Amino acid sequence: MRNQNEFNDFSTDSSVVNKMEDILRATCGTWQNCNQTNVQSFLSRCEQENIDPQFCMNWLQDNRDKIPNWPDVSDTTREWMIEHTSTGSPVSVAKDSTD
């Protein structure tokens, strides 16, 4: 019998995966509906929920066989990461100008 949770193919902290699954359902609906537009919403929501976008991107990549048009979706995720992070790392907060 198949696991009721079709998204849970990733071995990590289950609370983080559960949160990513909820975000994916809210932004994409299903893996098959994941496209260039809603994957950006997925990554933004993950960032808002304090989940490392790089971790989320890796999770998507681990499930790429479930995402139609993966090469284009993958390009979009990389572009999003470049725009929203600094060299793949969380963007740092600027120092106070009074220092």
C-alpha atoms as a PDB file:
ATOM      1  CA  MET A   1       0.000   0.000   0.000  1.00  0.00           C
ATOM      2  CA  ARG A   2       1.290   3.437  -0.928  1.00  0.00           C
ATOM      3  CA  ASN A   3       2.125   6.047   1.693  1.00  0.00           C
ATOM      4  CA  GLN A   4      -0.679   8.616   1.945  1.00  0.00           C
ATOM      5  CA  ASN A   5       1.903  11.375   1.887  1.00  0.00           C
ATOM      6  CA  GLU A   6       3.156  11.346  -1.703  1.00  0.00           C
ATOM      7  CA  PHE A   7       5.712  14.094  -1.060  1.00  0.00           C
ATOM      8  CA  ASN A   8       7.624  12.466   1.784  1.00  0.00           C
ATOM      9  CA  ASP A   9      10.491  10.856  -0.147  1.00  0.00           C
ATOM     10  CA  PHE A  10      13.180  12.959   1.517  1.00  0.00           C
ATOM     11  CA  SER A  11      15.003  11.818   4.627  1.00  0.00           C
ATOM     12  CA  THR A  12      15.419  14.765   6.976  1.00  0.00           C
ATOM     13  CA  ASP A  13      13.633  16.424   9.873  1.00  0.00           C
ATOM     14  CA  SER A  14      10.014  15.499   9.266  1.00  0.00           C
ATOM     15  CA  SER A  15       8.650  18.810  10.574  1.00  0.00           C
ATOM     16  CA  VAL A  16      10.615  20.741   7.928  1.00  0.00           C
ATOM     17  CA  VAL A  17       9.561  18.332   5.197  1.00  0.00           C
ATOM     18  CA  ASN A  18       5.947  18.547   6.360  1.00  0.00           C
ATOM     19  CA  LYS A  19       6.118  22.336   6.201  1.00  0.00           C
ATOM     20  CA  MET A  20       7.646  22.206   2.685  1.00  0.00           C
ATOM     21  CA  GLU A  21       4.924  19.777   1.601  1.00  0.00           C
ATOM     22  CA  ASP A  22       2.247  22.147   2.900  1.00  0.00           C
ATOM     23  CA  ILE A  23       3.855  25.038   1.051  1.00  0.00           C
ATOM     24  CA  LEU A  24       4.113  22.975  -2.136  1.00  0.00           C
ATOM     25  CA  ARG A  25       0.428  22.056  -1.902  1.00  0.00           C
ATOM     26  CA  ALA A  26      -0.502  25.723  -1.382  1.00  0.00           C
ATOM     27  CA  THR A  27       1.657  27.042  -4.224  1.00  0.00           C
ATOM     28  CA  CYS A  28       1.680  24.216  -6.771  1.00  0.00           C
ATOM     29  CA  GLY A  29      -1.052  21.824  -5.728  1.00  0.00           C
ATOM     30  CA  THR A  30       0.807  18.709  -6.863  1.00  0.00           C
ATOM     31  CA  TRP A  31       4.222  17.826  -8.209  1.00  0.00           C
ATOM     32  CA  GLN A  32       2.709  17.577 -11.675  1.00  0.00           C
ATOM     33  CA  ASN A  33       1.487  21.190 -11.464  1.00  0.00           C
ATOM     34  CA  CYS A  34       4.873  22.520 -10.373  1.00  0.00           C
ATOM     35  CA  ASN A  35       6.013  24.938 -13.083  1.00  0.00           C
ATOM     36  CA  GLN A  36       8.282  27.925 -13.644  1.00  0.00           C
ATOM     37  CA  THR A  37       5.779  30.369 -12.175  1.00  0.00           C
ATOM     38  CA  ASN A  38       4.620  28.635  -9.033  1.00  0.00           C
ATOM     39  CA  VAL A  39       8.047  27.253  -8.118  1.00  0.00           C
ATOM     40  CA  GLN A  40       9.083  30.860  -7.457  1.00  0.00           C
ATOM     41  CA  SER A  41       6.126  31.229  -5.109  1.00  0.00           C
ATOM     42  CA  PHE A  42       7.161  27.993  -3.423  1.00  0.00           C
ATOM     43  CA  LEU A  43      10.708  29.243  -2.814  1.00  0.00           C
ATOM     44  CA  SER A  44       9.464  32.633  -1.581  1.00  0.00           C
ATOM     45  CA  ARG A  45       7.071  31.016   0.872  1.00  0.00           C
ATOM     46  CA  CYS A  46       9.817  28.703   2.117  1.00  0.00           C
ATOM     47  CA  GLU A  47      12.009  31.724   2.741  1.00  0.00           C
ATOM     48  CA  GLN A  48       9.149  33.495   4.560  1.00  0.00           C
ATOM     49  CA  GLU A  49       8.737  30.400   6.749  1.00  0.00           C
ATOM     50  CA  ASN A  50      12.471  30.472   7.572  1.00  0.00           C
ATOM     51  CA  ILE A  51      13.282  27.348   5.605  1.00  0.00           C
ATOM     52  CA  ASP A  52      16.563  27.636   3.743  1.00  0.00           C
ATOM     53  CA  PRO A  53      15.663  28.139   0.055  1.00  0.00           C
ATOM     54  CA  GLN A  54      18.736  26.126  -0.969  1.00  0.00           C
ATOM     55  CA  PHE A  55      17.408  23.211   1.076  1.00  0.00           C
ATOM     56  CA  CYS A  56      14.017  23.595  -0.629  1.00  0.00           C
ATOM     57  CA  MET A  57      15.647  23.749  -4.041  1.00  0.00           C
ATOM     58  CA  ASN A  58      17.559  20.545  -3.267  1.00  0.00           C
ATOM     59  CA  TRP A  59      14.313  18.896  -2.160  1.00  0.00           C
ATOM     60  CA  LEU A  60      12.731  19.858  -5.479  1.00  0.00           C
ATOM     61  CA  GLN A  61      15.727  18.474  -7.318  1.00  0.00           C
ATOM     62  CA  ASP A  62      15.494  15.201  -5.402  1.00  0.00           C
ATOM     63  CA  ASN A  63      11.909  14.925  -6.697  1.00  0.00           C
ATOM     64  CA  ARG A  64      12.611  16.150 -10.246  1.00  0.00           C
ATOM     65  CA  ASP A  65      11.270  12.970 -11.801  1.00  0.00           C
ATOM     66  CA  LYS A  66       7.795  14.020 -10.579  1.00  0.00           C
ATOM     67  CA  ILE A  67       7.994  17.544 -12.077  1.00  0.00           C
ATOM     68  CA  PRO A  68       7.112  17.971 -15.752  1.00  0.00           C
ATOM     69  CA  ASN A  69       9.505  20.182 -17.709  1.00  0.00           C
ATOM     70  CA  TRP A  70      12.117  19.861 -14.977  1.00  0.00           C
ATOM     71  CA  PRO A  71      14.949  21.495 -16.991  1.00  0.00           C
ATOM     72  CA  ASP A  72      13.025  24.779 -17.265  1.00  0.00           C
ATOM     73  CA  VAL A  73      11.787  24.599 -13.678  1.00  0.00           C
ATOM     74  CA  SER A  74      15.356  23.923 -12.548  1.00  0.00           C
ATOM     75  CA  ASP A  75      16.640  26.964 -14.459  1.00  0.00           C
ATOM     76  CA  THR A  76      13.971  29.087 -12.788  1.00  0.00           C
ATOM     77  CA  THR A  77      14.954  27.856  -9.319  1.00  0.00           C
ATOM     78  CA  ARG A  78      18.608  28.685  -9.978  1.00  0.00           C
ATOM     79  CA  GLU A  79      17.709  32.156 -11.232  1.00  0.00           C
ATOM     80  CA  TRP A  80      15.542  32.719  -8.150  1.00  0.00           C
ATOM     81  CA  MET A  81      18.403  31.650  -5.887  1.00  0.00           C
ATOM     82  CA  ILE A  82      20.820  34.048  -7.596  1.00  0.00           C
ATOM     83  CA  GLU A  83      18.359  36.929  -7.229  1.00  0.00           C
ATOM     84  CA  HIS A  84      17.420  36.220  -3.609  1.00  0.00           C
ATOM     85  CA  THR A  85      20.597  34.964  -2.021  1.00  0.00           C
ATOM     86  CA  SER A  86      24.229  35.933  -2.058  1.00  0.00           C
ATOM     87  CA  THR A  87      26.275  33.151  -3.670  1.00  0.00           C
ATOM     88  CA  GLY A  88      23.767  30.565  -2.505  1.00  0.00           C
ATOM     89  CA  SER A  89      23.898  31.791   1.102  1.00  0.00           C
ATOM     90  CA  PRO A  90      21.290  33.716   3.052  1.00  0.00           C
ATOM     91  CA  VAL A  91      21.522  37.429   2.394  1.00  0.00           C
ATOM     92  CA  SER A  92      23.287  39.165   5.272  1.00  0.00           C
ATOM     93  CA  VAL A  93      21.882  42.158   7.112  1.00  0.00           C
ATOM     94  CA  ALA A  94      23.714  45.439   6.436  1.00  0.00           C
ATOM     95  CA  LYS A  95      25.740  46.892   9.303  1.00  0.00           C
ATOM     96  CA  ASP A  96      24.400  49.926  11.119  1.00  0.00           C
ATOM     97  CA  SER A  97      25.813  53.094   9.539  1.00  0.00           C
ATOM     98  CA  THR A  98      26.746  54.467  12.984  1.00  0.00           C
ATOM     99  CA  ASP A  99      29.559  51.943  13.388  1.00  0.00           C
END
